[in-house]
Amino acid sequence: MAERILALCRAMGASEDQEELLLPLIQAAQERFAARLRLGVAPEDCGPAFPLACALAAMEGLEASTSSSQEVSSFTAGDLTIHRETGGKSKAVLSGQAEKWLAPWLADAGFHFQGVRG
């Protein structure tokens, strides 16, 4: 499955020279999402959603590890002011999208209601 995820990452813009960093990111994403699947659900049961979610997570990690994730948001010539922004918004979008793709197969996490006798 790692080869399939790597192919998706390349389709998303990852280059071959980034493979040394990308492969461990893919492995970490696979382990992270596999651990969150509901009991009895395997990554293969998720169809294309699992490799896609892993590719999005790996690309997010790749973007975070490169300096190109900062973009100039504003530039002023008088008294020279340059503002840089990190790719925070795009990272949140990637994480959210990966979660949405896998939502039908993920175990409940976080908040839940518990009945209390009154």
N, C-alpha and C. Protein backbone atom coordinates (compact mmCIF):
# COMPACT_ATOMS: atom_id res chain seq x y z
N MET A 1 0.81 -1.19 0.00
CA MET A 1 0.00 0.00 0.00
C MET A 1 0.86 1.26 0.00
N ALA A 2 2.08 1.17 0.55
CA ALA A 2 2.96 2.34 0.60
C ALA A 2 3.29 2.85 -0.81
N GLU A 3 3.43 1.92 -1.77
CA GLU A 3 3.71 2.34 -3.15
C GLU A 3 2.53 3.12 -3.72
N ARG A 4 1.33 2.69 -3.40
CA ARG A 4 0.14 3.38 -3.88
C ARG A 4 0.05 4.78 -3.28
N ILE A 5 0.38 4.89 -1.99
CA ILE A 5 0.36 6.18 -1.32
C ILE A 5 1.45 7.09 -1.89
N LEU A 6 2.63 6.52 -2.13
CA LEU A 6 3.72 7.29 -2.73
C LEU A 6 3.32 7.82 -4.10
N ALA A 7 2.63 7.00 -4.89
CA ALA A 7 2.17 7.44 -6.21
C ALA A 7 1.18 8.60 -6.07
N LEU A 8 0.32 8.55 -5.08
CA LEU A 8 -0.62 9.65 -4.85
C LEU A 8 0.13 10.93 -4.45
N CYS A 9 1.15 10.77 -3.61
CA CYS A 9 1.96 11.93 -3.20
C CYS A 9 2.65 12.56 -4.41
N ARG A 10 3.15 11.72 -5.29
CA ARG A 10 3.79 12.25 -6.51
C ARG A 10 2.76 12.98 -7.36
N ALA A 11 1.55 12.45 -7.43
CA ALA A 11 0.50 13.12 -8.20
C ALA A 11 0.12 14.46 -7.57
N MET A 12 0.34 14.58 -6.26
CA MET A 12 0.05 15.83 -5.56
C MET A 12 1.21 16.82 -5.62
N GLY A 13 2.31 16.41 -6.25
CA GLY A 13 3.41 17.35 -6.44
C GLY A 13 4.72 17.00 -5.77
N ALA A 14 4.80 15.89 -5.06
CA ALA A 14 6.05 15.49 -4.43
C ALA A 14 7.03 15.03 -5.51
N SER A 15 8.29 15.40 -5.34
CA SER A 15 9.30 15.01 -6.32
C SER A 15 10.11 13.82 -5.81
N GLU A 16 10.83 13.18 -6.71
CA GLU A 16 11.61 12.00 -6.34
C GLU A 16 12.70 12.32 -5.33
N ASP A 17 13.24 13.53 -5.35
CA ASP A 17 14.30 13.87 -4.40
C ASP A 17 13.77 14.07 -2.98
N GLN A 18 12.45 14.11 -2.81
CA GLN A 18 11.85 14.22 -1.48
C GLN A 18 11.48 12.86 -0.90
N GLU A 19 11.77 11.80 -1.63
CA GLU A 19 11.35 10.46 -1.23
C GLU A 19 11.96 10.01 0.09
N GLU A 20 13.18 10.41 0.37
CA GLU A 20 13.84 9.99 1.62
C GLU A 20 13.06 10.47 2.84
N LEU A 21 12.49 11.65 2.77
CA LEU A 21 11.67 12.16 3.86
C LEU A 21 10.23 11.67 3.74
N LEU A 22 9.76 11.51 2.54
CA LEU A 22 8.37 11.15 2.31
C LEU A 22 8.05 9.72 2.76
N LEU A 23 8.96 8.79 2.57
CA LEU A 23 8.69 7.39 2.94
C LEU A 23 8.40 7.22 4.44
N PRO A 24 9.21 7.81 5.35
CA PRO A 24 8.85 7.69 6.77
C PRO A 24 7.55 8.43 7.12
N LEU A 25 7.27 9.52 6.42
CA LEU A 25 6.02 10.23 6.65
C LEU A 25 4.82 9.36 6.25
N ILE A 26 4.97 8.64 5.16
CA ILE A 26 3.91 7.73 4.71
C ILE A 26 3.71 6.62 5.73
N GLN A 27 4.80 6.04 6.20
CA GLN A 27 4.71 4.96 7.19
C GLN A 27 4.04 5.46 8.47
N ALA A 28 4.41 6.64 8.92
CA ALA A 28 3.81 7.20 10.14
C ALA A 28 2.32 7.46 9.94
N ALA A 29 1.95 7.96 8.77
CA ALA A 29 0.53 8.22 8.49
C ALA A 29 -0.26 6.91 8.47
N GLN A 30 0.30 5.88 7.85
CA GLN A 30 -0.37 4.58 7.81
C GLN A 30 -0.60 4.06 9.22
N GLU A 31 0.42 4.13 10.06
CA GLU A 31 0.31 3.62 11.43
C GLU A 31 -0.70 4.44 12.23
N ARG A 32 -0.65 5.76 12.05
CA ARG A 32 -1.55 6.64 12.80
C ARG A 32 -3.01 6.37 12.44
N PHE A 33 -3.31 6.30 11.15
CA PHE A 33 -4.69 6.08 10.75
C PHE A 33 -5.15 4.64 11.01
N ALA A 34 -4.28 3.67 10.85
CA ALA A 34 -4.65 2.28 11.12
C ALA A 34 -5.01 2.10 12.60
N ALA A 35 -4.32 2.79 13.48
CA ALA A 35 -4.60 2.71 14.92
C ALA A 35 -5.94 3.34 15.28
N ARG A 36 -6.43 4.23 14.45
CA ARG A 36 -7.69 4.91 14.73
C ARG A 36 -8.91 4.25 14.10
N LEU A 37 -8.69 3.22 13.31
CA LEU A 37 -9.82 2.53 12.67
C LEU A 37 -10.64 1.78 13.72
N ARG A 38 -11.93 1.64 13.46
CA ARG A 38 -12.80 0.88 14.36
C ARG A 38 -12.29 -0.55 14.47
N LEU A 39 -12.62 -1.18 15.56
CA LEU A 39 -12.24 -2.56 15.80
C LEU A 39 -12.80 -3.45 14.69
N GLY A 40 -11.96 -4.26 14.10
CA GLY A 40 -12.37 -5.17 13.04
C GLY A 40 -12.28 -4.58 11.64
N VAL A 41 -11.92 -3.31 11.53
CA VAL A 41 -11.78 -2.66 10.22
C VAL A 41 -10.30 -2.61 9.86
N ALA A 42 -9.98 -3.09 8.67
CA ALA A 42 -8.61 -3.06 8.17
C ALA A 42 -8.47 -1.91 7.17
N PRO A 43 -7.27 -1.42 6.97
CA PRO A 43 -7.07 -0.35 5.99
C PRO A 43 -7.64 -0.69 4.61
N GLU A 44 -7.55 -1.94 4.22
CA GLU A 44 -8.05 -2.36 2.91
C GLU A 44 -9.57 -2.23 2.80
N ASP A 45 -10.27 -2.27 3.95
CA ASP A 45 -11.72 -2.14 3.97
C ASP A 45 -12.19 -0.73 3.61
N CYS A 46 -11.29 0.24 3.69
CA CYS A 46 -11.64 1.64 3.46
C CYS A 46 -11.57 2.04 1.99
N GLY A 47 -11.20 1.10 1.13
CA GLY A 47 -11.10 1.40 -0.29
C GLY A 47 -10.04 2.47 -0.56
N PRO A 48 -10.30 3.38 -1.48
CA PRO A 48 -9.31 4.40 -1.81
C PRO A 48 -9.18 5.49 -0.75
N ALA A 49 -10.09 5.54 0.21
CA ALA A 49 -10.04 6.59 1.23
C ALA A 49 -8.80 6.48 2.11
N PHE A 50 -8.38 5.26 2.45
CA PHE A 50 -7.22 5.10 3.34
C PHE A 50 -5.93 5.59 2.69
N PRO A 51 -5.58 5.14 1.48
CA PRO A 51 -4.35 5.66 0.88
C PRO A 51 -4.42 7.16 0.60
N LEU A 52 -5.58 7.66 0.26
CA LEU A 52 -5.72 9.09 0.02
C LEU A 52 -5.49 9.89 1.29
N ALA A 53 -6.08 9.45 2.40
CA ALA A 53 -5.89 10.13 3.68
C ALA A 53 -4.42 10.09 4.10
N CYS A 54 -3.77 8.96 3.91
CA CYS A 54 -2.35 8.84 4.25
C CYS A 54 -1.50 9.76 3.38
N ALA A 55 -1.83 9.86 2.11
CA ALA A 55 -1.08 10.73 1.20
C ALA A 55 -1.25 12.19 1.62
N LEU A 56 -2.46 12.59 1.98
CA LEU A 56 -2.69 13.96 2.44
C LEU A 56 -1.88 14.26 3.70
N ALA A 57 -1.88 13.32 4.64
CA ALA A 57 -1.13 13.50 5.89
C ALA A 57 0.38 13.57 5.62
N ALA A 58 0.87 12.72 4.72
CA ALA A 58 2.30 12.72 4.39
C ALA A 58 2.68 14.03 3.70
N MET A 59 1.85 14.51 2.81
CA MET A 59 2.12 15.77 2.12
C MET A 59 2.10 16.94 3.10
N GLU A 60 1.22 16.88 4.09
CA GLU A 60 1.18 17.90 5.13
C GLU A 60 2.51 17.91 5.90
N GLY A 61 3.00 16.73 6.25
CA GLY A 61 4.28 16.63 6.95
C GLY A 61 5.44 17.12 6.09
N LEU A 62 5.38 16.81 4.82
CA LEU A 62 6.42 17.26 3.89
C LEU A 62 6.42 18.77 3.78
N GLU A 63 5.23 19.36 3.67
CA GLU A 63 5.12 20.81 3.58
C GLU A 63 5.63 21.48 4.85
N ALA A 64 5.32 20.89 6.00
CA ALA A 64 5.76 21.46 7.27
C ALA A 64 7.27 21.40 7.45
N SER A 65 7.90 20.43 6.82
CA SER A 65 9.35 20.26 7.00
C SER A 65 10.19 21.06 6.02
N THR A 66 9.56 21.70 5.06
CA THR A 66 10.31 22.49 4.09
C THR A 66 10.09 23.96 4.35
N SER A 67 11.07 24.76 4.02
CA SER A 67 10.96 26.20 4.23
C SER A 67 10.03 26.85 3.23
N SER A 68 9.67 26.14 2.17
CA SER A 68 8.79 26.72 1.16
C SER A 68 7.36 26.84 1.64
N SER A 69 7.08 26.40 2.88
CA SER A 69 5.72 26.50 3.38
C SER A 69 5.40 27.91 3.87
N GLN A 70 6.40 28.79 3.86
CA GLN A 70 6.15 30.18 4.23
C GLN A 70 5.97 31.00 2.97
N GLU A 71 4.95 31.84 2.98
CA GLU A 71 4.68 32.69 1.84
C GLU A 71 4.61 34.13 2.31
N VAL A 72 5.01 35.03 1.44
CA VAL A 72 4.90 36.45 1.75
C VAL A 72 3.43 36.84 1.64
N SER A 73 2.88 37.36 2.74
CA SER A 73 1.47 37.75 2.73
C SER A 73 1.30 39.23 2.45
N SER A 74 2.31 40.03 2.79
CA SER A 74 2.26 41.45 2.45
C SER A 74 3.68 41.99 2.36
N PHE A 75 3.84 43.05 1.59
CA PHE A 75 5.14 43.65 1.37
C PHE A 75 4.95 45.15 1.25
N THR A 76 5.72 45.93 2.01
CA THR A 76 5.64 47.39 1.95
C THR A 76 7.00 47.92 1.57
N ALA A 77 7.08 48.80 0.59
CA ALA A 77 8.36 49.34 0.14
C ALA A 77 8.87 50.45 1.05
N GLY A 78 8.01 51.36 1.50
CA GLY A 78 8.42 52.43 2.41
C GLY A 78 8.69 51.89 3.79
N ASP A 79 9.88 52.05 4.31
CA ASP A 79 10.34 51.49 5.58
C ASP A 79 10.36 49.97 5.59
N LEU A 80 10.33 49.37 4.44
CA LEU A 80 10.49 47.93 4.21
C LEU A 80 9.87 47.03 5.27
N THR A 81 8.65 46.63 5.07
CA THR A 81 7.94 45.70 5.94
C THR A 81 7.58 44.46 5.12
N ILE A 82 7.96 43.30 5.59
CA ILE A 82 7.61 42.04 4.93
C ILE A 82 6.95 41.15 5.97
N HIS A 83 5.78 40.67 5.66
CA HIS A 83 5.08 39.75 6.55
C HIS A 83 5.06 38.38 5.89
N ARG A 84 5.42 37.38 6.66
CA ARG A 84 5.40 36.00 6.16
C ARG A 84 4.38 35.21 6.95
N GLU A 85 3.69 34.32 6.26
CA GLU A 85 2.73 33.43 6.90
C GLU A 85 3.14 32.00 6.62
N THR A 86 2.95 31.16 7.62
CA THR A 86 3.18 29.74 7.40
C THR A 86 1.96 29.17 6.72
N GLY A 87 2.08 27.96 6.24
CA GLY A 87 0.96 27.33 5.54
C GLY A 87 -0.08 26.77 6.48
N GLY A 88 -0.34 27.41 7.60
CA GLY A 88 -1.28 26.92 8.60
C GLY A 88 -2.66 26.63 8.07
N LYS A 89 -3.18 27.50 7.23
CA LYS A 89 -4.52 27.28 6.70
C LYS A 89 -4.57 26.06 5.81
N SER A 90 -3.57 25.92 4.94
CA SER A 90 -3.58 24.76 4.04
C SER A 90 -3.36 23.47 4.82
N LYS A 91 -2.58 23.53 5.90
CA LYS A 91 -2.37 22.33 6.71
C LYS A 91 -3.66 21.90 7.38
N ALA A 92 -4.40 22.88 7.89
CA ALA A 92 -5.67 22.54 8.52
C ALA A 92 -6.63 21.93 7.50
N VAL A 93 -6.57 22.41 6.29
CA VAL A 93 -7.43 21.87 5.23
C VAL A 93 -7.03 20.43 4.92
N LEU A 94 -5.74 20.15 4.82
CA LEU A 94 -5.28 18.79 4.54
C LEU A 94 -5.68 17.83 5.66
N SER A 95 -5.47 18.22 6.89
CA SER A 95 -5.84 17.36 8.03
C SER A 95 -7.34 17.11 8.06
N GLY A 96 -8.09 18.16 7.87
CA GLY A 96 -9.54 18.03 7.88
C GLY A 96 -10.03 17.14 6.75
N GLN A 97 -9.43 17.29 5.58
CA GLN A 97 -9.84 16.48 4.45
C GLN A 97 -9.52 15.01 4.68
N ALA A 98 -8.34 14.72 5.22
CA ALA A 98 -7.97 13.33 5.51
C ALA A 98 -8.95 12.71 6.51
N GLU A 99 -9.32 13.46 7.54
CA GLU A 99 -10.28 12.97 8.53
C GLU A 99 -11.65 12.70 7.88
N LYS A 100 -12.07 13.59 7.00
CA LYS A 100 -13.37 13.41 6.34
C LYS A 100 -13.39 12.17 5.47
N TRP A 101 -12.31 11.90 4.76
CA TRP A 101 -12.27 10.72 3.89
C TRP A 101 -12.40 9.44 4.70
N LEU A 102 -11.80 9.41 5.88
CA LEU A 102 -11.80 8.19 6.69
C LEU A 102 -12.91 8.13 7.75
N ALA A 103 -13.67 9.18 7.89
CA ALA A 103 -14.68 9.26 8.95
C ALA A 103 -15.58 8.03 9.06
N PRO A 104 -16.06 7.45 7.96
CA PRO A 104 -16.95 6.29 8.11
C PRO A 104 -16.29 5.07 8.76
N TRP A 105 -14.97 5.00 8.76
CA TRP A 105 -14.28 3.83 9.29
C TRP A 105 -13.54 4.10 10.60
N LEU A 106 -13.49 5.35 11.03
CA LEU A 106 -12.75 5.69 12.24
C LEU A 106 -13.57 5.40 13.48
N ALA A 107 -12.88 4.99 14.52
CA ALA A 107 -13.53 4.79 15.82
C ALA A 107 -13.87 6.15 16.39
N ASP A 108 -14.87 6.19 17.22
CA ASP A 108 -15.22 7.45 17.87
C ASP A 108 -14.06 7.91 18.72
N ALA A 109 -13.79 9.19 18.65
CA ALA A 109 -12.69 9.76 19.44
C ALA A 109 -13.20 11.01 20.12
N GLY A 110 -12.68 11.26 21.30
CA GLY A 110 -13.03 12.51 21.96
C GLY A 110 -14.33 12.42 22.73
N PHE A 111 -15.20 13.38 22.51
CA PHE A 111 -16.42 13.57 23.29
C PHE A 111 -17.45 12.47 23.06
N HIS A 112 -18.09 12.05 24.13
CA HIS A 112 -19.21 11.13 24.03
C HIS A 112 -20.13 11.32 25.23
N PHE A 113 -21.39 10.95 25.06
CA PHE A 113 -22.36 11.05 26.15
C PHE A 113 -22.36 9.76 26.96
N GLN A 114 -22.54 9.91 28.22
CA GLN A 114 -22.64 8.74 29.09
C GLN A 114 -23.85 8.94 29.98
N GLY A 115 -24.68 7.94 30.05
CA GLY A 115 -25.90 8.05 30.86
C GLY A 115 -25.59 8.06 32.34
N VAL A 116 -26.29 8.91 33.06
CA VAL A 116 -26.14 9.00 34.51
C VAL A 116 -27.52 8.88 35.12
N ARG A 117 -27.66 7.94 36.06
CA ARG A 117 -28.95 7.76 36.71
C ARG A 117 -29.21 8.93 37.65
N GLY A 118 -30.43 9.45 37.57
CA GLY A 118 -30.75 10.65 38.36
C GLY A 118 -31.64 10.36 39.43
